[in-house]
PDB file of N, CA and C in Angstrom:
ATOM      1  N   THR A   1      84.915 118.041 103.656  1.00  0.00           N
ATOM      2  CA  THR A   1      85.173 116.815 102.885  1.00  0.00           C
ATOM      3  C   THR A   1      86.064 117.014 101.683  1.00  0.00           C
ATOM      4  N   LYS A   2      86.188 118.244 101.293  1.00  0.00           N
ATOM      5  CA  LYS A   2      87.079 118.526 100.103  1.00  0.00           C
ATOM      6  C   LYS A   2      88.526 118.099 100.409  1.00  0.00           C
ATOM      7  N   LEU A   3      89.056 118.458 101.567  1.00  0.00           N
ATOM      8  CA  LEU A   3      90.417 118.068 101.896  1.00  0.00           C
ATOM      9  C   LEU A   3      90.570 116.585 101.999  1.00  0.00           C
ATOM     10  N   LEU A   4      89.584 115.908 102.640  1.00  0.00           N
ATOM     11  CA  LEU A   4      89.611 114.438 102.791  1.00  0.00           C
ATOM     12  C   LEU A   4      89.533 113.790 101.399  1.00  0.00           C
ATOM     13  N   MET A   5      88.695 114.209 100.496  1.00  0.00           N
ATOM     14  CA  MET A   5      88.584 113.652  99.203  1.00  0.00           C
ATOM     15  C   MET A   5      89.829 113.929  98.340  1.00  0.00           C
ATOM     16  N   THR A   6      90.447 115.091  98.503  1.00  0.00           N
ATOM     17  CA  THR A   6      91.656 115.330  97.794  1.00  0.00           C
ATOM     18  C   THR A   6      92.793 114.474  98.230  1.00  0.00           C
ATOM     19  N   THR A   7      93.028 114.413  99.542  1.00  0.00           N
ATOM     20  CA  THR A   7      94.128 113.565 100.054  1.00  0.00           C
ATOM     21  C   THR A   7      93.864 112.108  99.775  1.00  0.00           C
ATOM     22  N   SER A   8      92.660 111.680  99.813  1.00  0.00           N
ATOM     23  CA  SER A   8      92.281 110.311  99.498  1.00  0.00           C
ATOM     24  C   SER A   8      92.586 109.992  98.046  1.00  0.00           C
ATOM     25  N   SER A   9      92.192 110.919  97.193  1.00  0.00           N
ATOM     26  CA  SER A   9      92.422 110.664  95.765  1.00  0.00           C
ATOM     27  C   SER A   9      93.929 110.645  95.399  1.00  0.00           C
ATOM     28  N   VAL A  10      94.681 111.502  96.012  1.00  0.00           N
ATOM     29  CA  VAL A  10      96.156 111.534  95.727  1.00  0.00           C
ATOM     30  C   VAL A  10      96.793 110.232  96.257  1.00  0.00           C
ATOM     31  N   TYR A  11      96.438 109.862  97.498  1.00  0.00           N
ATOM     32  CA  TYR A  11      96.996 108.612  98.081  1.00  0.00           C
ATOM     33  C   TYR A  11      96.626 107.413  97.295  1.00  0.00           C
ATOM     34  N   MET A  12      95.330 107.247  96.953  1.00  0.00           N
ATOM     35  CA  MET A  12      94.859 106.045  96.230  1.00  0.00           C
ATOM     36  C   MET A  12      95.400 106.077  94.817  1.00  0.00           C
ATOM     37  N   GLY A  13      95.547 107.272  94.214  1.00  0.00           N
ATOM     38  CA  GLY A  13      96.109 107.319  92.915  1.00  0.00           C
ATOM     39  C   GLY A  13      97.534 106.882  92.809  1.00  0.00           C
ATOM     40  N   LEU A  14      98.377 107.301  93.777  1.00  0.00           N
ATOM     41  CA  LEU A  14      99.716 106.846  93.848  1.00  0.00           C
ATOM     42  C   LEU A  14      99.861 105.345  94.084  1.00  0.00           C
ATOM     43  N   ILE A  15      99.043 104.836  94.967  1.00  0.00           N
ATOM     44  CA  ILE A  15      99.058 103.389  95.160  1.00  0.00           C
ATOM     45  C   ILE A  15      98.554 102.643  93.975  1.00  0.00           C
ATOM     46  N   GLY A  16      97.548 103.156  93.267  1.00  0.00           N
ATOM     47  CA  GLY A  16      96.982 102.534  92.087  1.00  0.00           C
ATOM     48  C   GLY A  16      97.966 102.501  90.947  1.00  0.00           C
ATOM     49  N   ILE A  17      98.732 103.596  90.770  1.00  0.00           N
ATOM     50  CA  ILE A  17      99.738 103.609  89.693  1.00  0.00           C
ATOM     51  C   ILE A  17     100.875 102.660  90.004  1.00  0.00           C
ATOM     52  N   ALA A  18     101.311 102.646  91.323  1.00  0.00           N
ATOM     53  CA  ALA A  18     102.402 101.723  91.662  1.00  0.00           C
ATOM     54  C   ALA A  18     101.966 100.263  91.519  1.00  0.00           C
ATOM     55  N   LEU A  19     100.744  99.956  91.925  1.00  0.00           N
ATOM     56  CA  LEU A  19     100.320  98.540  91.753  1.00  0.00           C
ATOM     57  C   LEU A  19     100.031  98.166  90.305  1.00  0.00           C
ATOM     58  N   SER A  20      99.669  99.112  89.529  1.00  0.00           N
ATOM     59  CA  SER A  20      99.365  98.799  88.118  1.00  0.00           C
ATOM     60  C   SER A  20     100.630  98.625  87.245  1.00  0.00           C
ATOM     61  N   PHE A  21     101.617  99.387  87.532  1.00  0.00           N
ATOM     62  CA  PHE A  21     102.785  99.404  86.654  1.00  0.00           C
ATOM     63  C   PHE A  21     104.056  98.744  87.299  1.00  0.00           C
ATOM     64  N   MET A  22     103.988  98.519  88.655  1.00  0.00           N
ATOM     65  CA  MET A  22     105.179  97.884  89.284  1.00  0.00           C
ATOM     66  C   MET A  22     104.725  96.805  90.238  1.00  0.00           C
ATOM     67  N   PRO A  23     103.959  95.865  89.825  1.00  0.00           N
ATOM     68  CA  PRO A  23     103.449  94.806  90.816  1.00  0.00           C
ATOM     69  C   PRO A  23     104.511  93.904  91.285  1.00  0.00           C
ATOM     70  N   ASN A  24     105.531  93.610  90.422  1.00  0.00           N
ATOM     71  CA  ASN A  24     106.584  92.695  90.887  1.00  0.00           C
ATOM     72  C   ASN A  24     107.470  93.366  91.945  1.00  0.00           C
ATOM     73  N   GLU A  25     107.764  94.616  91.773  1.00  0.00           N
ATOM     74  CA  GLU A  25     108.617  95.346  92.780  1.00  0.00           C
ATOM     75  C   GLU A  25     107.798  95.465  94.038  1.00  0.00           C
ATOM     76  N   VAL A  26     106.522  95.690  94.023  1.00  0.00           N
ATOM     77  CA  VAL A  26     105.710  95.732  95.251  1.00  0.00           C
ATOM     78  C   VAL A  26     105.726  94.389  95.955  1.00  0.00           C
ATOM     79  N   LEU A  27     105.569  93.358  95.192  1.00  0.00           N
ATOM     80  CA  LEU A  27     105.681  91.982  95.797  1.00  0.00           C
ATOM     81  C   LEU A  27     107.010  91.697  96.464  1.00  0.00           C
ATOM     82  N   GLU A  28     108.044  92.102  95.770  1.00  0.00           N
ATOM     83  CA  GLU A  28     109.403  91.870  96.326  1.00  0.00           C
ATOM     84  C   GLU A  28     109.597  92.671  97.607  1.00  0.00           C
ATOM     85  N   THR A  29     108.964  93.875  97.592  1.00  0.00           N
ATOM     86  CA  THR A  29     109.130  94.721  98.827  1.00  0.00           C
ATOM     87  C   THR A  29     108.513  94.037 100.060  1.00  0.00           C
ATOM     88  N   PHE A  30     107.380  93.353  99.820  1.00  0.00           N
ATOM     89  CA  PHE A  30     106.684  92.718 100.917  1.00  0.00           C
ATOM     90  C   PHE A  30     107.190  91.204 101.136  1.00  0.00           C
ATOM     91  N   GLY A  31     108.220  90.845 100.433  1.00  0.00           N
ATOM     92  CA  GLY A  31     108.828  89.550 100.657  1.00  0.00           C
ATOM     93  C   GLY A  31     108.116  88.414  99.957  1.00  0.00           C
ATOM     94  N   GLN A  32     107.246  88.653  98.980  1.00  0.00           N
ATOM     95  CA  GLN A  32     106.532  87.650  98.294  1.00  0.00           C
ATOM     96  C   GLN A  32     107.310  87.360  96.946  1.00  0.00           C
ATOM     97  N   GLU A  33     107.202  86.109  96.539  1.00  0.00           N
ATOM     98  CA  GLU A  33     107.792  85.717  95.213  1.00  0.00           C
ATOM     99  C   GLU A  33     106.754  86.039  94.151  1.00  0.00           C
ATOM    100  N   PRO A  34     107.147  86.863  93.139  1.00  0.00           N
ATOM    101  CA  PRO A  34     106.122  87.184  92.111  1.00  0.00           C
ATOM    102  C   PRO A  34     105.761  86.043  91.230  1.00  0.00           C
ATOM    103  N   ASN A  35     104.506  85.836  91.054  1.00  0.00           N
ATOM    104  CA  ASN A  35     103.970  84.847  90.117  1.00  0.00           C
ATOM    105  C   ASN A  35     102.862  85.486  89.322  1.00  0.00           C
ATOM    106  N   GLU A  36     102.340  84.742  88.343  1.00  0.00           N
ATOM    107  CA  GLU A  36     101.343  85.340  87.423  1.00  0.00           C
ATOM    108  C   GLU A  36     100.024  85.753  88.187  1.00  0.00           C
ATOM    109  N   ILE A  37      99.560  84.918  89.146  1.00  0.00           N
ATOM    110  CA  ILE A  37      98.310  85.184  89.764  1.00  0.00           C
ATOM    111  C   ILE A  37      98.406  86.401  90.672  1.00  0.00           C
ATOM    112  N   LEU A  38      99.465  86.484  91.453  1.00  0.00           N
ATOM    113  CA  LEU A  38      99.629  87.692  92.355  1.00  0.00           C
ATOM    114  C   LEU A  38      99.840  88.959  91.568  1.00  0.00           C
ATOM    115  N   THR A  39     100.576  88.861  90.480  1.00  0.00           N
ATOM    116  CA  THR A  39     100.835  90.011  89.576  1.00  0.00           C
ATOM    117  C   THR A  39      99.529  90.540  89.027  1.00  0.00           C
ATOM    118  N   LEU A  40      98.679  89.626  88.507  1.00  0.00           N
ATOM    119  CA  LEU A  40      97.445  89.994  87.929  1.00  0.00           C
ATOM    120  C   LEU A  40      96.525  90.574  88.959  1.00  0.00           C
ATOM    121  N   THR A  41      96.537  89.979  90.149  1.00  0.00           N
ATOM    122  CA  THR A  41      95.652  90.483  91.248  1.00  0.00           C
ATOM    123  C   THR A  41      96.086  91.909  91.624  1.00  0.00           C
ATOM    124  N   LEU A  42      97.343  92.134  91.740  1.00  0.00           N
ATOM    125  CA  LEU A  42      97.840  93.433  92.140  1.00  0.00           C
ATOM    126  C   LEU A  42      97.548  94.514  91.027  1.00  0.00           C
ATOM    127  N   GLN A  43      97.622  94.101  89.799  1.00  0.00           N
ATOM    128  CA  GLN A  43      97.312  95.036  88.721  1.00  0.00           C
ATOM    129  C   GLN A  43      95.848  95.378  88.723  1.00  0.00           C
ATOM    130  N   LEU A  44      94.985  94.417  88.930  1.00  0.00           N
ATOM    131  CA  LEU A  44      93.529  94.687  88.977  1.00  0.00           C
ATOM    132  C   LEU A  44      93.227  95.543  90.223  1.00  0.00           C
ATOM    133  N   THR A  45      93.877  95.280  91.330  1.00  0.00           N
ATOM    134  CA  THR A  45      93.637  96.074  92.547  1.00  0.00           C
ATOM    135  C   THR A  45      94.155  97.514  92.283  1.00  0.00           C
ATOM    136  N   GLY A  46      95.180  97.662  91.583  1.00  0.00           N
ATOM    137  CA  GLY A  46      95.759  99.010  91.267  1.00  0.00           C
ATOM    138  C   GLY A  46      94.810  99.793  90.380  1.00  0.00           C
ATOM    139  N   SER A  47      94.190  99.102  89.413  1.00  0.00           N
ATOM    140  CA  SER A  47      93.305  99.770  88.523  1.00  0.00           C
ATOM    141  C   SER A  47      91.988 100.169  89.299  1.00  0.00           C
ATOM    142  N   LEU A  48      91.575  99.358  90.229  1.00  0.00           N
ATOM    143  CA  LEU A  48      90.460  99.681  91.082  1.00  0.00           C
ATOM    144  C   LEU A  48      90.740 100.879  91.910  1.00  0.00           C
ATOM    145  N   TYR A  49      91.938 100.948  92.568  1.00  0.00           N
ATOM    146  CA  TYR A  49      92.323 102.156  93.391  1.00  0.00           C
ATOM    147  C   TYR A  49      92.430 103.382  92.520  1.00  0.00           C
ATOM    148  N   PHE A  50      92.990 103.253  91.311  1.00  0.00           N
ATOM    149  CA  PHE A  50      93.084 104.430  90.463  1.00  0.00           C
ATOM    150  C   PHE A  50      91.729 104.940  90.019  1.00  0.00           C
ATOM    151  N   GLY A  51      90.796 104.007  89.806  1.00  0.00           N
ATOM    152  CA  GLY A  51      89.421 104.423  89.439  1.00  0.00           C
ATOM    153  C   GLY A  51      88.746 105.111  90.583  1.00  0.00           C
ATOM    154  N   PHE A  52      88.933 104.617  91.787  1.00  0.00           N
ATOM    155  CA  PHE A  52      88.363 105.299  92.993  1.00  0.00           C
ATOM    156  C   PHE A  52      88.994 106.678  93.163  1.00  0.00           C
ATOM    157  N   ALA A  53      90.312 106.750  92.919  1.00  0.00           N
ATOM    158  CA  ALA A  53      91.032 108.053  93.074  1.00  0.00           C
ATOM    159  C   ALA A  53      90.411 109.062  92.034  1.00  0.00           C
ATOM    160  N   MET A  54      90.172 108.623  90.797  1.00  0.00           N
ATOM    161  CA  MET A  54      89.687 109.549  89.806  1.00  0.00           C
ATOM    162  C   MET A  54      88.231 109.961  90.194  1.00  0.00           C
ATOM    163  N   THR A  55      87.450 109.090  90.722  1.00  0.00           N
ATOM    164  CA  THR A  55      86.071 109.375  91.171  1.00  0.00           C
ATOM    165  C   THR A  55      86.116 110.465  92.310  1.00  0.00           C
ATOM    166  N   ASN A  56      87.074 110.214  93.285  1.00  0.00           N
ATOM    167  CA  ASN A  56      87.190 111.216  94.381  1.00  0.00           C
ATOM    168  C   ASN A  56      87.662 112.566  93.870  1.00  0.00           C
ATOM    169  N   TRP A  57      88.587 112.565  92.900  1.00  0.00           N
ATOM    170  CA  TRP A  57      89.097 113.822  92.416  1.00  0.00           C
ATOM    171  C   TRP A  57      88.047 114.578  91.598  1.00  0.00           C
ATOM    172  N   MET A  58      87.288 113.881  90.855  1.00  0.00           N
ATOM    173  CA  MET A  58      86.231 114.537  90.073  1.00  0.00           C
ATOM    174  C   MET A  58      85.019 115.065  90.962  1.00  0.00           C
ATOM    175  N   ALA A  59      84.834 114.448  92.108  1.00  0.00           N
ATOM    176  CA  ALA A  59      83.700 114.814  92.940  1.00  0.00           C
ATOM    177  C   ALA A  59      84.080 115.622  94.137  1.00  0.00           C
ATOM    178  N   LYS A  60      85.305 116.025  94.196  1.00  0.00           N
ATOM    179  CA  LYS A  60      85.736 116.831  95.395  1.00  0.00           C
ATOM    180  C   LYS A  60      85.109 118.179  95.440  1.00  0.00           C
ATOM    181  N   ALA A  61      84.697 118.767  94.368  1.00  0.00           N
ATOM    182  CA  ALA A  61      84.076 120.068  94.387  1.00  0.00           C
ATOM    183  C   ALA A  61      82.529 119.996  94.461  1.00  0.00           C
ATOM    184  N   ALA A  62      81.988 118.830  94.407  1.00  0.00           N
ATOM    185  CA  ALA A  62      80.542 118.680  94.490  1.00  0.00           C
ATOM    186  C   ALA A  62      80.099 118.981  95.913  1.00  0.00           C
ATOM    187  N   ILE A  63      78.959 119.561  96.033  1.00  0.00           N
ATOM    188  CA  ILE A  63      78.341 119.862  97.363  1.00  0.00           C
ATOM    189  C   ILE A  63      77.770 118.566  97.837  1.00  0.00           C
ATOM    190  N   ILE A  64      78.259 118.156  98.980  1.00  0.00           N
ATOM    191  CA  ILE A  64      77.758 116.924  99.575  1.00  0.00           C
ATOM    192  C   ILE A  64      76.499 117.191 100.330  1.00  0.00           C
ATOM    193  N   GLY A  65      75.411 116.723  99.816  1.00  0.00           N
ATOM    194  CA  GLY A  65      74.099 116.975 100.476  1.00  0.00           C
ATOM    195  C   GLY A  65      73.021 116.524  99.478  1.00  0.00           C
ATOM    196  N   GLY A  66      71.850 116.305  99.993  1.00  0.00           N
ATOM    197  CA  GLY A  66      70.779 115.834  99.209  1.00  0.00           C
ATOM    198  C   GLY A  66      71.062 114.397  98.839  1.00  0.00           C
ATOM    199  N   ILE A  67      70.484 113.936  97.682  1.00  0.00           N
ATOM    200  CA  ILE A  67      70.608 112.552  97.292  1.00  0.00           C
ATOM    201  C   ILE A  67      71.665 112.322  96.166  1.00  0.00           C
ATOM    202  N   TYR A  68      72.181 113.378  95.613  1.00  0.00           N
ATOM    203  CA  TYR A  68      72.996 113.197  94.421  1.00  0.00           C
ATOM    204  C   TYR A  68      74.445 112.887  94.728  1.00  0.00           C
ATOM    205  N   SER A  69      75.029 113.600  95.696  1.00  0.00           N
ATOM    206  CA  SER A  69      76.493 113.421  95.959  1.00  0.00           C
ATOM    207  C   SER A  69      76.762 112.563  97.204  1.00  0.00           C
ATOM    208  N   ARG A  70      75.765 112.172  97.910  1.00  0.00           N
ATOM    209  CA  ARG A  70      75.986 111.410  99.118  1.00  0.00           C
ATOM    210  C   ARG A  70      76.681 110.076  98.852  1.00  0.00           C
ATOM    211  N   PRO A  71      76.337 109.324  97.822  1.00  0.00           N
ATOM    212  CA  PRO A  71      77.041 108.037  97.597  1.00  0.00           C
ATOM    213  C   PRO A  71      78.495 108.232  97.356  1.00  0.00           C
ATOM    214  N   LEU A  72      78.915 109.368  96.770  1.00  0.00           N
ATOM    215  CA  LEU A  72      80.321 109.588  96.505  1.00  0.00           C
ATOM    216  C   LEU A  72      81.178 109.749  97.765  1.00  0.00           C
ATOM    217  N   SER A  73      80.553 110.380  98.850  1.00  0.00           N
ATOM    218  CA  SER A  73      81.273 110.614 100.029  1.00  0.00           C
ATOM    219  C   SER A  73      81.308 109.394 100.926  1.00  0.00           C
ATOM    220  N   ILE A  74      80.364 108.506 100.766  1.00  0.00           N
ATOM    221  CA  ILE A  74      80.249 107.286 101.582  1.00  0.00           C
ATOM    222  C   ILE A  74      81.255 106.317 101.063  1.00  0.00           C
TER     223      ILE A  74
END
């Protein structure tokens, strides 16, 4: 699970940073016209992805077992 959590955290971190700091460019890449609602939604989604990435990165060395680390791997 360490490899899975590491790759997941890197992938989600890159997506989170891109969505947080470049939402208009991401929208233009997918052919959408940037407006305030979509920009705010992408920035919030990016911060959520970055938060999950940080959680995965911090918990990658934890032993998955018992009741303490199981919710992090699920």
